């Protein structure tokens, strides 16, 4: 059994997730059940970082994933970001890396530069 607090809405339900039966208790809505199962069996996070920026006074461009990505891929994503150099100008939302690591998740710019 794992106990977590749901963060999908302001209610903050206290969830209990049974890892054997894959049942969630304590949720007030279906979002809580989905969150509890995902958080226990395949936790995901949005990654925010920076990449090297060329042709600008600023040396780094803030970037992020456009969707949450599995936590077990975070270090691999960061290694890929270390290899990237982007040329200015860049618009907020521009795709910097499409489909990173075959995950259907894009790395996008977080700022106009």
N, C-alpha and C. Protein backbone atom coordinates (compact mmCIF):
# COMPACT_ATOMS: atom_id res chain seq x y z
N UNK A 1 0.84 -1.19 0.00
CA UNK A 1 0.00 0.00 0.00
C UNK A 1 0.88 1.25 0.00
N UNK A 2 0.52 2.19 -0.85
CA UNK A 2 1.20 3.49 -0.88
C UNK A 2 0.16 4.55 -0.58
N UNK A 3 0.58 5.53 0.19
CA UNK A 3 -0.29 6.66 0.49
C UNK A 3 0.29 7.90 -0.17
N UNK A 4 -0.55 8.60 -0.94
CA UNK A 4 -0.12 9.82 -1.61
C UNK A 4 -1.25 10.84 -1.55
N UNK A 5 -0.92 12.07 -1.83
CA UNK A 5 -1.93 13.13 -1.90
C UNK A 5 -2.10 13.51 -3.36
N UNK A 6 -3.33 13.50 -3.82
CA UNK A 6 -3.64 13.82 -5.20
C UNK A 6 -3.46 15.33 -5.43
N UNK A 7 -2.84 15.67 -6.57
CA UNK A 7 -2.60 17.09 -6.88
C UNK A 7 -3.33 17.54 -8.14
N UNK A 8 -4.29 16.75 -8.62
CA UNK A 8 -4.97 17.12 -9.85
C UNK A 8 -6.01 18.21 -9.66
N UNK A 9 -6.45 18.44 -8.45
CA UNK A 9 -7.39 19.55 -8.18
C UNK A 9 -7.11 20.09 -6.78
N UNK A 10 -7.70 21.20 -6.43
CA UNK A 10 -7.43 21.80 -5.11
C UNK A 10 -7.91 20.98 -3.91
N UNK A 11 -8.71 19.97 -4.14
CA UNK A 11 -9.27 19.19 -3.03
C UNK A 11 -8.17 18.45 -2.26
N UNK A 12 -7.14 17.95 -2.93
CA UNK A 12 -6.02 17.28 -2.25
C UNK A 12 -6.40 16.01 -1.53
N UNK A 13 -7.09 15.11 -2.22
CA UNK A 13 -7.54 13.86 -1.61
C UNK A 13 -6.35 13.01 -1.16
N UNK A 14 -6.51 12.37 -0.02
CA UNK A 14 -5.51 11.43 0.49
C UNK A 14 -5.83 10.06 -0.09
N UNK A 15 -4.96 9.61 -0.98
CA UNK A 15 -5.19 8.36 -1.69
C UNK A 15 -4.39 7.22 -1.08
N UNK A 16 -4.97 6.04 -1.12
CA UNK A 16 -4.28 4.82 -0.77
C UNK A 16 -4.32 3.94 -2.01
N UNK A 17 -3.14 3.55 -2.48
CA UNK A 17 -3.06 2.73 -3.69
C UNK A 17 -2.53 1.36 -3.31
N UNK A 18 -3.33 0.34 -3.60
CA UNK A 18 -2.93 -1.04 -3.36
C UNK A 18 -2.13 -1.50 -4.58
N UNK A 19 -0.86 -1.78 -4.37
CA UNK A 19 0.03 -2.14 -5.49
C UNK A 19 -0.26 -3.53 -6.05
N UNK A 20 -0.91 -4.37 -5.28
CA UNK A 20 -1.21 -5.72 -5.75
C UNK A 20 -2.48 -5.73 -6.59
N UNK A 21 -3.57 -5.18 -6.03
CA UNK A 21 -4.85 -5.20 -6.74
C UNK A 21 -5.02 -4.01 -7.68
N UNK A 22 -4.10 -3.04 -7.58
CA UNK A 22 -4.17 -1.82 -8.40
C UNK A 22 -5.48 -1.06 -8.18
N UNK A 23 -5.91 -1.02 -6.93
CA UNK A 23 -7.12 -0.28 -6.54
C UNK A 23 -6.72 0.99 -5.81
N UNK A 24 -7.48 2.04 -6.07
CA UNK A 24 -7.23 3.34 -5.44
C UNK A 24 -8.43 3.66 -4.55
N UNK A 25 -8.13 4.07 -3.32
CA UNK A 25 -9.18 4.47 -2.39
C UNK A 25 -8.91 5.90 -1.92
N UNK A 26 -9.98 6.61 -1.60
CA UNK A 26 -9.85 7.96 -1.06
C UNK A 26 -10.05 9.06 -2.09
N UNK A 27 -10.18 8.69 -3.35
CA UNK A 27 -10.37 9.71 -4.39
C UNK A 27 -11.82 10.16 -4.44
N UNK A 28 -12.02 11.45 -4.70
CA UNK A 28 -13.36 12.01 -4.82
C UNK A 28 -13.83 12.09 -6.26
N UNK A 29 -12.91 11.85 -7.20
CA UNK A 29 -13.28 11.92 -8.61
C UNK A 29 -12.42 10.94 -9.41
N UNK A 30 -12.79 10.68 -10.66
CA UNK A 30 -12.01 9.74 -11.50
C UNK A 30 -10.58 10.21 -11.75
N UNK A 31 -10.34 11.52 -11.72
CA UNK A 31 -8.98 12.02 -11.92
C UNK A 31 -8.05 11.52 -10.82
N UNK A 32 -8.56 11.41 -9.61
CA UNK A 32 -7.76 10.92 -8.50
C UNK A 32 -7.33 9.48 -8.68
N UNK A 33 -8.22 8.67 -9.20
CA UNK A 33 -7.88 7.27 -9.45
C UNK A 33 -6.77 7.18 -10.51
N UNK A 34 -6.93 7.92 -11.60
CA UNK A 34 -5.92 7.91 -12.67
C UNK A 34 -4.59 8.43 -12.15
N UNK A 35 -4.62 9.52 -11.37
CA UNK A 35 -3.39 10.08 -10.81
C UNK A 35 -2.70 9.09 -9.89
N UNK A 36 -3.46 8.45 -9.01
CA UNK A 36 -2.88 7.49 -8.06
C UNK A 36 -2.20 6.33 -8.76
N UNK A 37 -2.86 5.77 -9.76
CA UNK A 37 -2.27 4.65 -10.49
C UNK A 37 -1.02 5.08 -11.24
N UNK A 38 -1.09 6.22 -11.89
CA UNK A 38 0.08 6.72 -12.63
C UNK A 38 1.24 7.02 -11.68
N UNK A 39 0.96 7.66 -10.57
CA UNK A 39 2.02 8.07 -9.65
C UNK A 39 2.72 6.87 -9.02
N UNK A 40 2.00 5.79 -8.81
CA UNK A 40 2.60 4.60 -8.19
C UNK A 40 3.30 3.72 -9.23
N UNK A 41 2.68 3.54 -10.40
CA UNK A 41 3.21 2.58 -11.37
C UNK A 41 4.06 3.19 -12.48
N UNK A 42 3.84 4.45 -12.84
CA UNK A 42 4.65 5.10 -13.87
C UNK A 42 4.62 6.61 -13.64
N UNK A 43 5.31 7.08 -12.60
CA UNK A 43 5.27 8.52 -12.30
C UNK A 43 5.86 9.35 -13.44
N UNK A 44 5.22 10.47 -13.71
CA UNK A 44 5.64 11.36 -14.80
C UNK A 44 5.81 12.77 -14.27
N UNK A 45 6.72 13.50 -14.92
CA UNK A 45 6.97 14.89 -14.56
C UNK A 45 7.25 15.70 -15.81
N UNK A 46 6.95 17.00 -15.75
CA UNK A 46 7.39 17.93 -16.78
C UNK A 46 8.83 18.30 -16.44
N UNK A 47 9.70 18.22 -17.42
CA UNK A 47 11.11 18.57 -17.21
C UNK A 47 11.34 19.99 -17.69
N UNK A 48 11.98 20.79 -16.86
CA UNK A 48 12.39 22.14 -17.24
C UNK A 48 13.89 22.22 -17.14
N UNK A 49 14.50 22.88 -18.12
CA UNK A 49 15.95 22.99 -18.14
C UNK A 49 16.34 24.15 -19.04
N UNK A 50 17.61 24.18 -19.44
CA UNK A 50 18.10 25.16 -20.39
C UNK A 50 19.02 24.46 -21.38
N UNK A 51 19.16 25.08 -22.57
CA UNK A 51 20.10 24.60 -23.58
C UNK A 51 20.96 25.79 -24.01
N UNK A 52 22.08 25.50 -24.63
CA UNK A 52 22.99 26.54 -25.10
C UNK A 52 22.29 27.35 -26.20
N UNK A 53 22.41 28.68 -26.10
CA UNK A 53 21.81 29.59 -27.08
C UNK A 53 22.92 30.35 -27.78
N UNK A 54 22.91 30.31 -29.11
CA UNK A 54 23.90 31.01 -29.92
C UNK A 54 23.26 32.24 -30.56
N UNK A 55 24.05 33.30 -30.74
CA UNK A 55 23.57 34.49 -31.43
C UNK A 55 22.72 35.41 -30.58
N UNK A 56 22.93 35.40 -29.29
CA UNK A 56 22.16 36.24 -28.38
C UNK A 56 23.07 36.67 -27.23
N UNK A 57 22.69 37.78 -26.56
CA UNK A 57 23.42 38.19 -25.37
C UNK A 57 23.28 37.17 -24.24
N UNK A 58 22.13 36.52 -24.21
CA UNK A 58 21.92 35.46 -23.21
C UNK A 58 22.55 34.17 -23.72
N UNK A 59 23.11 33.41 -22.84
CA UNK A 59 23.85 32.20 -23.22
C UNK A 59 23.01 30.92 -23.14
N UNK A 60 21.86 30.96 -22.46
CA UNK A 60 21.03 29.77 -22.27
C UNK A 60 19.59 30.09 -22.63
N UNK A 61 18.91 29.12 -23.22
CA UNK A 61 17.49 29.21 -23.55
C UNK A 61 16.71 28.29 -22.63
N UNK A 62 15.71 28.81 -21.92
CA UNK A 62 14.90 27.92 -21.09
C UNK A 62 13.99 27.05 -21.97
N UNK A 63 13.94 25.77 -21.63
CA UNK A 63 13.13 24.81 -22.37
C UNK A 63 12.37 23.92 -21.38
N UNK A 64 11.37 23.21 -21.91
CA UNK A 64 10.60 22.27 -21.09
C UNK A 64 9.97 21.22 -21.99
N UNK A 65 9.50 20.15 -21.37
CA UNK A 65 8.74 19.16 -22.13
C UNK A 65 7.34 19.69 -22.33
N UNK A 66 6.72 19.34 -23.45
CA UNK A 66 5.35 19.80 -23.70
C UNK A 66 4.31 18.91 -23.03
N UNK A 67 4.74 17.77 -22.50
CA UNK A 67 3.88 16.85 -21.74
C UNK A 67 4.75 16.22 -20.66
N UNK A 68 4.12 15.69 -19.64
CA UNK A 68 4.91 14.96 -18.64
C UNK A 68 5.58 13.74 -19.27
N UNK A 69 6.74 13.39 -18.74
CA UNK A 69 7.52 12.26 -19.24
C UNK A 69 7.87 11.37 -18.04
N UNK A 70 8.03 10.08 -18.29
CA UNK A 70 8.33 9.14 -17.20
C UNK A 70 9.58 9.57 -16.44
N UNK A 71 9.49 9.50 -15.12
CA UNK A 71 10.61 9.90 -14.28
C UNK A 71 11.86 9.08 -14.56
N UNK A 72 11.69 7.83 -14.97
CA UNK A 72 12.87 7.00 -15.21
C UNK A 72 13.64 7.43 -16.46
N UNK A 73 13.09 8.35 -17.26
CA UNK A 73 13.79 8.87 -18.44
C UNK A 73 14.40 10.25 -18.21
N UNK A 74 14.23 10.81 -17.04
CA UNK A 74 14.67 12.18 -16.80
C UNK A 74 16.17 12.38 -17.06
N UNK A 75 17.01 11.50 -16.56
CA UNK A 75 18.45 11.68 -16.74
C UNK A 75 18.86 11.50 -18.21
N UNK A 76 18.19 10.60 -18.92
CA UNK A 76 18.47 10.42 -20.35
C UNK A 76 18.07 11.68 -21.13
N UNK A 77 16.96 12.27 -20.78
CA UNK A 77 16.53 13.51 -21.44
C UNK A 77 17.55 14.62 -21.16
N UNK A 78 18.01 14.72 -19.93
CA UNK A 78 18.99 15.76 -19.59
C UNK A 78 20.29 15.57 -20.37
N UNK A 79 20.71 14.33 -20.59
CA UNK A 79 21.91 14.07 -21.39
C UNK A 79 21.71 14.56 -22.83
N UNK A 80 20.52 14.36 -23.36
CA UNK A 80 20.23 14.83 -24.72
C UNK A 80 20.23 16.36 -24.78
N UNK A 81 19.70 17.00 -23.75
CA UNK A 81 19.67 18.47 -23.72
C UNK A 81 21.07 19.05 -23.65
N UNK A 82 21.98 18.34 -22.99
CA UNK A 82 23.37 18.81 -22.91
C UNK A 82 24.04 18.89 -24.27
N UNK A 83 23.54 18.15 -25.26
CA UNK A 83 24.13 18.11 -26.59
C UNK A 83 23.60 19.22 -27.51
N UNK A 84 22.56 19.92 -27.10
CA UNK A 84 21.83 20.83 -27.98
C UNK A 84 22.39 22.25 -27.95
N UNK A 85 22.47 22.85 -29.14
CA UNK A 85 22.77 24.27 -29.29
C UNK A 85 21.70 24.85 -30.21
N UNK A 86 21.08 25.94 -29.79
CA UNK A 86 19.99 26.56 -30.54
C UNK A 86 20.44 27.94 -30.99
N UNK A 87 20.09 28.30 -32.22
CA UNK A 87 20.43 29.62 -32.74
C UNK A 87 19.25 30.57 -32.55
N UNK A 88 19.56 31.78 -32.10
CA UNK A 88 18.56 32.82 -31.95
C UNK A 88 18.20 33.33 -33.35
N UNK A 89 17.00 33.77 -33.65
CA UNK A 89 15.87 33.98 -32.76
C UNK A 89 15.04 32.69 -32.54
N UNK A 90 14.39 32.64 -31.39
CA UNK A 90 13.54 31.53 -31.02
C UNK A 90 12.26 32.10 -30.42
N UNK A 91 11.13 31.52 -30.75
CA UNK A 91 9.84 31.93 -30.19
C UNK A 91 9.42 30.96 -29.10
N UNK A 92 8.70 31.46 -28.13
CA UNK A 92 8.14 30.62 -27.08
C UNK A 92 7.23 29.56 -27.73
N UNK A 93 7.43 28.31 -27.39
CA UNK A 93 6.63 27.23 -27.95
C UNK A 93 7.27 26.54 -29.15
N UNK A 94 8.36 27.12 -29.69
CA UNK A 94 9.05 26.46 -30.80
C UNK A 94 9.56 25.09 -30.34
N UNK A 95 9.43 24.11 -31.21
CA UNK A 95 9.94 22.77 -30.89
C UNK A 95 11.45 22.76 -31.07
N UNK A 96 12.16 22.44 -30.01
CA UNK A 96 13.62 22.37 -30.03
C UNK A 96 14.06 20.94 -30.37
N UNK A 97 13.42 19.95 -29.76
CA UNK A 97 13.65 18.53 -30.07
C UNK A 97 12.28 17.87 -30.21
N UNK A 98 12.02 17.30 -31.37
CA UNK A 98 10.75 16.61 -31.60
C UNK A 98 10.88 15.15 -31.17
N UNK A 99 9.88 14.65 -30.46
CA UNK A 99 9.78 13.24 -30.10
C UNK A 99 11.04 12.73 -29.41
N UNK A 100 11.44 13.41 -28.34
CA UNK A 100 12.69 13.05 -27.66
C UNK A 100 12.65 11.61 -27.16
N UNK A 101 13.69 10.88 -27.47
CA UNK A 101 13.87 9.48 -27.07
C UNK A 101 12.69 8.59 -27.49
N UNK A 102 12.00 8.97 -28.56
CA UNK A 102 10.88 8.18 -29.06
C UNK A 102 9.67 8.15 -28.13
N UNK A 103 9.51 9.19 -27.32
CA UNK A 103 8.46 9.22 -26.30
C UNK A 103 7.18 9.94 -26.72
N UNK A 104 7.15 10.54 -27.91
CA UNK A 104 6.04 11.38 -28.36
C UNK A 104 5.93 12.66 -27.52
N UNK A 105 7.02 13.02 -26.86
CA UNK A 105 7.11 14.25 -26.08
C UNK A 105 8.13 15.16 -26.76
N UNK A 106 7.78 16.44 -26.89
CA UNK A 106 8.67 17.40 -27.52
C UNK A 106 9.32 18.29 -26.46
N UNK A 107 10.53 18.75 -26.76
CA UNK A 107 11.18 19.79 -25.95
C UNK A 107 10.87 21.10 -26.65
N UNK A 108 10.28 22.04 -25.91
CA UNK A 108 9.90 23.31 -26.50
C UNK A 108 10.55 24.48 -25.77
N UNK A 109 10.67 25.59 -26.49
CA UNK A 109 11.21 26.81 -25.89
C UNK A 109 10.20 27.38 -24.90
N UNK A 110 10.70 27.90 -23.81
CA UNK A 110 9.84 28.52 -22.80
C UNK A 110 9.84 30.04 -22.87
N UNK A 111 10.54 30.58 -23.90
CA UNK A 111 10.70 32.03 -23.95
C UNK A 111 11.04 32.48 -25.37
N UNK A 112 10.61 33.69 -25.72
CA UNK A 112 11.06 34.33 -26.95
C UNK A 112 12.45 34.88 -26.73
N UNK A 113 13.36 34.62 -27.65
CA UNK A 113 14.70 35.21 -27.60
C UNK A 113 15.19 35.45 -29.01
